[in-house]
Protein backbone atom coordinates (compact mmCIF):
# COMPACT_ATOMS: atom_id res chain seq x y z
CA UNK A 1 -57.88 -68.79 -4.03
CA UNK A 2 -55.73 -67.07 -6.58
CA UNK A 3 -53.67 -64.22 -5.23
CA UNK A 4 -53.75 -60.97 -7.05
CA UNK A 5 -50.37 -59.73 -8.18
CA UNK A 6 -49.73 -56.12 -7.35
CA UNK A 7 -47.57 -54.29 -9.85
CA UNK A 8 -45.14 -51.68 -8.58
CA UNK A 9 -46.27 -48.12 -9.11
CA UNK A 10 -45.19 -46.55 -12.33
CA UNK A 11 -43.65 -43.13 -12.32
CA UNK A 12 -45.29 -40.59 -14.49
CA UNK A 13 -43.23 -39.70 -17.54
CA UNK A 14 -41.26 -36.51 -17.14
CA UNK A 15 -42.38 -33.65 -19.27
CA UNK A 16 -40.02 -31.24 -20.99
CA UNK A 17 -40.12 -28.78 -18.07
CA UNK A 18 -39.05 -31.45 -15.58
CA UNK A 19 -36.23 -32.61 -17.84
CA UNK A 20 -35.04 -29.04 -18.26
CA UNK A 21 -35.16 -28.48 -14.48
CA UNK A 22 -33.10 -31.62 -13.79
CA UNK A 23 -30.61 -30.68 -16.47
CA UNK A 24 -30.20 -27.21 -14.98
CA UNK A 25 -29.72 -28.68 -11.50
CA UNK A 26 -27.03 -31.00 -12.80
CA UNK A 27 -25.15 -28.36 -14.79
CA UNK A 28 -25.56 -25.32 -12.52
CA UNK A 29 -23.10 -26.65 -9.92
CA UNK A 30 -19.97 -24.53 -10.05
CA UNK A 31 -16.94 -24.84 -7.82
CA UNK A 32 -14.65 -21.90 -7.11
CA UNK A 33 -11.42 -23.17 -5.65
CA UNK A 34 -9.16 -20.89 -3.64
CA UNK A 35 -6.10 -21.94 -5.62
CA UNK A 36 -7.29 -19.63 -8.38
CA UNK A 37 -6.44 -16.72 -6.11
CA UNK A 38 -2.94 -17.83 -5.16
CA UNK A 39 -1.10 -15.85 -7.83
CA UNK A 40 -2.38 -12.37 -7.05
CA UNK A 41 -3.02 -13.10 -3.37
CA UNK A 42 0.59 -14.00 -2.65
CA UNK A 43 1.94 -10.86 -4.34
CA UNK A 44 -0.70 -8.61 -2.79
CA UNK A 45 -0.23 -9.83 0.78
CA UNK A 46 3.55 -9.79 0.45
CA UNK A 47 3.50 -6.24 -0.94
CA UNK A 48 1.19 -4.82 1.71
CA UNK A 49 3.03 -6.51 4.57
CA UNK A 50 6.37 -5.31 3.29
CA UNK A 51 5.01 -1.79 2.79
CA UNK A 52 3.75 -1.51 6.35
CA UNK A 53 6.71 -3.18 8.05
CA UNK A 54 9.51 -1.52 6.11
CA UNK A 55 8.05 1.99 6.15
CA UNK A 56 6.95 1.79 9.79
CA UNK A 57 10.38 0.49 10.77
CA UNK A 58 12.05 3.28 8.79
CA UNK A 59 9.84 5.93 10.41
CA UNK A 60 10.41 4.44 13.87
CA UNK A 61 14.16 4.39 13.37
CA UNK A 62 14.36 7.97 12.12
CA UNK A 63 12.02 9.18 14.88
CA UNK A 64 14.12 7.42 17.52
CA UNK A 65 17.16 9.32 16.27
CA UNK A 66 15.50 12.48 17.64
CA UNK A 67 15.27 14.20 14.25
CA UNK A 68 12.51 16.60 13.27
CA UNK A 69 9.10 15.57 11.87
CA UNK A 70 10.06 16.79 8.41
CA UNK A 71 12.99 14.36 8.32
CA UNK A 72 10.65 11.54 9.29
CA UNK A 73 8.21 12.39 6.49
CA UNK A 74 11.00 12.70 3.92
CA UNK A 75 12.45 9.34 4.94
CA UNK A 76 9.02 7.69 4.93
CA UNK A 77 8.08 9.11 1.52
CA UNK A 78 11.39 8.04 0.03
CA UNK A 79 10.94 4.59 1.51
CA UNK A 80 7.45 4.31 0.01
CA UNK A 81 8.58 5.21 -3.50
CA UNK A 82 11.79 3.19 -3.45
CA UNK A 83 10.10 0.19 -1.90
CA UNK A 84 7.25 0.15 -4.42
CA UNK A 85 9.66 0.30 -7.34
CA UNK A 86 11.86 -2.35 -5.79
CA UNK A 87 8.93 -4.67 -5.16
CA UNK A 88 7.64 -4.25 -8.70
CA UNK A 89 11.04 -4.88 -10.28
CA UNK A 90 11.87 -7.82 -8.03
CA UNK A 91 8.50 -9.48 -8.49
CA UNK A 92 8.59 -8.96 -12.26
CA UNK A 93 12.07 -10.47 -12.59
CA UNK A 94 11.24 -13.37 -10.28
CA UNK A 95 7.94 -14.29 -11.93
CA UNK A 96 9.41 -13.75 -15.40
CA UNK A 97 12.09 -16.30 -14.59
CA UNK A 98 9.39 -18.71 -13.52
CA UNK A 99 7.44 -18.05 -16.71
CA UNK A 100 10.57 -18.61 -18.82
CA UNK A 101 11.12 -21.95 -17.12
CA UNK A 102 7.51 -22.97 -17.72
CA UNK A 103 7.70 -21.97 -21.39
CA UNK A 104 10.95 -23.89 -21.82
CA UNK A 105 9.35 -27.00 -20.34
CA UNK A 106 6.34 -26.63 -22.63
CA UNK A 107 8.58 -26.20 -25.68
CA UNK A 108 10.52 -29.31 -24.73
CA UNK A 109 7.30 -31.25 -24.24
CA UNK A 110 6.03 -30.10 -27.64
CA UNK A 111 9.19 -31.40 -29.29
CA UNK A 112 8.97 -34.74 -27.51
CA UNK A 113 5.32 -35.14 -28.51
CA UNK A 114 6.23 -34.56 -32.13
CA UNK A 115 9.29 -36.82 -32.17
CA UNK A 116 8.31 -39.56 -29.69
CA UNK A 117 4.51 -39.76 -29.50
CA UNK A 118 4.46 -43.42 -28.42
CA UNK A 119 6.90 -42.84 -25.56
CA UNK A 120 4.91 -39.81 -24.40
CA UNK A 121 1.71 -41.85 -24.49
CA UNK A 122 3.34 -44.53 -22.34
CA UNK A 123 4.61 -41.86 -19.96
CA UNK A 124 1.12 -40.42 -19.55
CA UNK A 125 -0.29 -43.90 -19.00
CA UNK A 126 2.24 -44.62 -16.24
CA UNK A 127 1.33 -41.33 -14.54
CA UNK A 128 -2.31 -42.39 -14.28
CA UNK A 129 -1.36 -45.91 -13.15
CA UNK A 130 0.79 -44.41 -10.39
CA UNK A 131 -2.24 -42.41 -9.26
CA UNK A 132 -4.30 -45.57 -8.81
CA UNK A 133 -6.04 -46.01 -12.16
CA UNK A 134 -6.23 -49.56 -13.54
CA UNK A 135 -3.71 -50.13 -16.37
CA UNK A 136 -6.31 -50.76 -19.07
CA UNK A 137 -8.37 -47.75 -18.06
CA UNK A 138 -5.25 -45.62 -17.69
CA UNK A 139 -4.29 -46.48 -21.26
CA UNK A 140 -7.71 -45.53 -22.54
CA UNK A 141 -7.68 -42.24 -20.62
CA UNK A 142 -4.21 -41.42 -21.93
CA UNK A 143 -5.27 -42.13 -25.52
CA UNK A 144 -8.41 -40.02 -25.28
CA UNK A 145 -6.71 -37.08 -23.57
CA UNK A 146 -3.83 -37.19 -26.05
CA UNK A 147 -6.28 -37.11 -28.93
CA UNK A 148 -8.06 -34.10 -27.45
CA UNK A 149 -5.13 -32.03 -26.15
CA UNK A 150 -1.79 -33.80 -25.90
CA UNK A 151 0.26 -30.81 -24.76
CA UNK A 152 -2.36 -29.66 -22.26
CA UNK A 153 -2.57 -33.15 -20.75
CA UNK A 154 1.20 -33.42 -20.30
CA UNK A 155 1.44 -29.86 -19.00
CA UNK A 156 -1.19 -30.56 -16.37
CA UNK A 157 -0.41 -34.14 -15.36
CA UNK A 158 3.35 -34.36 -15.98
CA UNK A 159 4.59 -30.82 -15.36
CA UNK A 160 1.90 -29.66 -12.93
CA UNK A 161 1.11 -26.51 -14.93
CA UNK A 162 -2.42 -25.14 -15.11
CA UNK A 163 -3.97 -21.83 -16.09
CA UNK A 164 -4.82 -21.10 -12.45
CA UNK A 165 -1.20 -21.14 -11.26
CA UNK A 166 0.55 -19.95 -14.42
CA UNK A 167 3.08 -17.20 -13.80
CA UNK A 168 1.99 -13.69 -14.81
CA UNK A 169 4.89 -11.23 -14.36
CA UNK A 170 2.97 -8.02 -15.09
CA UNK A 171 0.09 -8.92 -12.80
CA UNK A 172 2.47 -9.83 -9.99
CA UNK A 173 4.55 -6.65 -10.44
CA UNK A 174 1.54 -4.33 -10.45
CA UNK A 175 0.00 -6.08 -7.45
CA UNK A 176 3.23 -5.89 -5.48
CA UNK A 177 3.89 -2.21 -6.26
CA UNK A 178 0.34 -1.03 -5.60
CA UNK A 179 -0.13 -3.01 -2.41
CA UNK A 180 3.30 -1.97 -1.11
CA UNK A 181 2.39 1.68 -1.67
CA UNK A 182 -0.98 1.19 0.02
CA UNK A 183 0.65 -0.51 2.99
CA UNK A 184 3.42 2.10 3.26
CA UNK A 185 0.83 4.87 3.24
CA UNK A 186 -0.50 3.67 6.61
CA UNK A 187 2.56 4.46 8.79
CA UNK A 188 3.24 7.56 6.72
CA UNK A 189 -0.25 8.89 7.41
CA UNK A 190 0.13 8.06 11.08
CA UNK A 191 3.38 10.01 11.18
CA UNK A 192 1.60 13.05 9.76
CA UNK A 193 -1.17 13.13 12.38
CA UNK A 194 0.78 11.84 15.42
CA UNK A 195 2.05 14.26 18.09
CA UNK A 196 5.79 14.87 17.81
CA UNK A 197 6.57 13.48 21.26
CA UNK A 198 4.58 10.27 20.56
CA UNK A 199 5.32 9.82 16.88
CA UNK A 200 7.20 6.54 17.17
CA UNK A 201 4.67 4.99 19.55
CA UNK A 202 1.65 5.99 17.44
CA UNK A 203 3.24 4.72 14.23
CA UNK A 204 4.24 1.41 15.82
CA UNK A 205 0.84 0.77 17.43
CA UNK A 206 -1.14 1.75 14.34
CA UNK A 207 1.10 -0.26 12.03
CA UNK A 208 0.87 -3.38 14.18
CA UNK A 209 -2.91 -3.08 14.22
CA UNK A 210 -2.91 -2.73 10.43
CA UNK A 211 -0.66 -5.77 10.10
CA UNK A 212 -3.01 -7.82 12.26
CA UNK A 213 -6.01 -6.79 10.15
CA UNK A 214 -4.13 -7.53 6.93
CA UNK A 215 -3.07 -10.95 8.19
CA UNK A 216 -6.66 -11.76 9.10
CA UNK A 217 -8.00 -10.60 5.74
CA UNK A 218 -5.34 -12.51 3.82
CA UNK A 219 -6.08 -15.69 5.77
CA UNK A 220 -9.81 -15.27 5.24
CA UNK A 221 -9.43 -14.74 1.49
CA UNK A 222 -7.13 -17.74 1.25
CA UNK A 223 -9.47 -19.94 3.29
CA UNK A 224 -6.94 -20.51 6.10
CA UNK A 225 -7.19 -20.17 9.88
CA UNK A 226 -6.88 -16.57 11.05
CA UNK A 227 -5.01 -16.72 14.37
CA UNK A 228 -1.66 -18.07 13.23
CA UNK A 229 -1.12 -15.63 10.32
CA UNK A 230 -2.09 -12.70 12.57
CA UNK A 231 0.36 -13.71 15.30
CA UNK A 232 3.09 -14.38 12.77
CA UNK A 233 2.89 -11.07 10.96
CA UNK A 234 2.51 -8.95 14.10
CA UNK A 235 5.46 -10.66 15.79
CA UNK A 236 7.85 -10.04 12.93
CA UNK A 237 6.52 -6.54 12.42
CA UNK A 238 7.13 -5.68 16.06
CA UNK A 239 10.58 -7.23 15.91
CA UNK A 240 11.55 -5.19 12.84
CA UNK A 241 10.27 -1.92 14.33
CA UNK A 242 11.99 -2.54 17.65
CA UNK A 243 15.28 -3.32 15.94
CA UNK A 244 15.27 -0.20 13.76
CA UNK A 245 14.13 1.99 16.64
CA UNK A 246 17.01 0.68 18.76
CA UNK A 247 19.48 1.40 15.96
CA UNK A 248 18.03 4.88 15.46
CA UNK A 249 18.23 5.68 19.15
CA UNK A 250 21.82 4.42 19.34
CA UNK A 251 22.95 6.38 16.30
CA UNK A 252 21.02 9.48 17.36
CA UNK A 253 22.73 9.61 20.73
CA UNK A 254 26.15 9.23 19.13
CA UNK A 255 25.63 12.13 16.71
């Protein structure tokens, strides 16, 4: 008896709607990496932390010297303005220096690509081989990437420079100044509403709570664990306030 051969089932041809749906599913995947936030996040967290700690410490020190509330507010306001300007200037100079270094490296790489293209191609090939790519494939990748964007390939794979982490002095300066002022406004506002006999205690407690919240928010935005940054920032904030309050009390009793 002859056995009947059963053919495997055939899939129905995909119509244009199905093809479009599959294409959309394949191309709609987008990844948002946290490293894109590192430039402004670092400056913002640093500015806010510095604003709270420095101004709260200044207010605590002046209050411990047994001066009047008006002196505390004057000192806190001056600290806010001076600190914001200092943060902006320092961040701008620092990030500008980084940007100058990056531009110098890119200019040097541009010259080398124009004068020694073969050596630069070999250098790019060796980079990919060192990362685990087979030599033949590494050579092909280096040739194709050089043909498409030679400087961009060397900037990314040789120098480690990308658009996500490129230095932006103005952005960093504005973020530092604004976040410092926002952070400094917290202890200054607490000094305004706190009773005179509890001014230092209220400012210290409120500032430490704000530091803890800021550390948690910064860790959450950066995708890191929350507990360690919170403990770190509150510890150093408390240490700074205690030190300035001790100095203020010592100086105040000597006057």
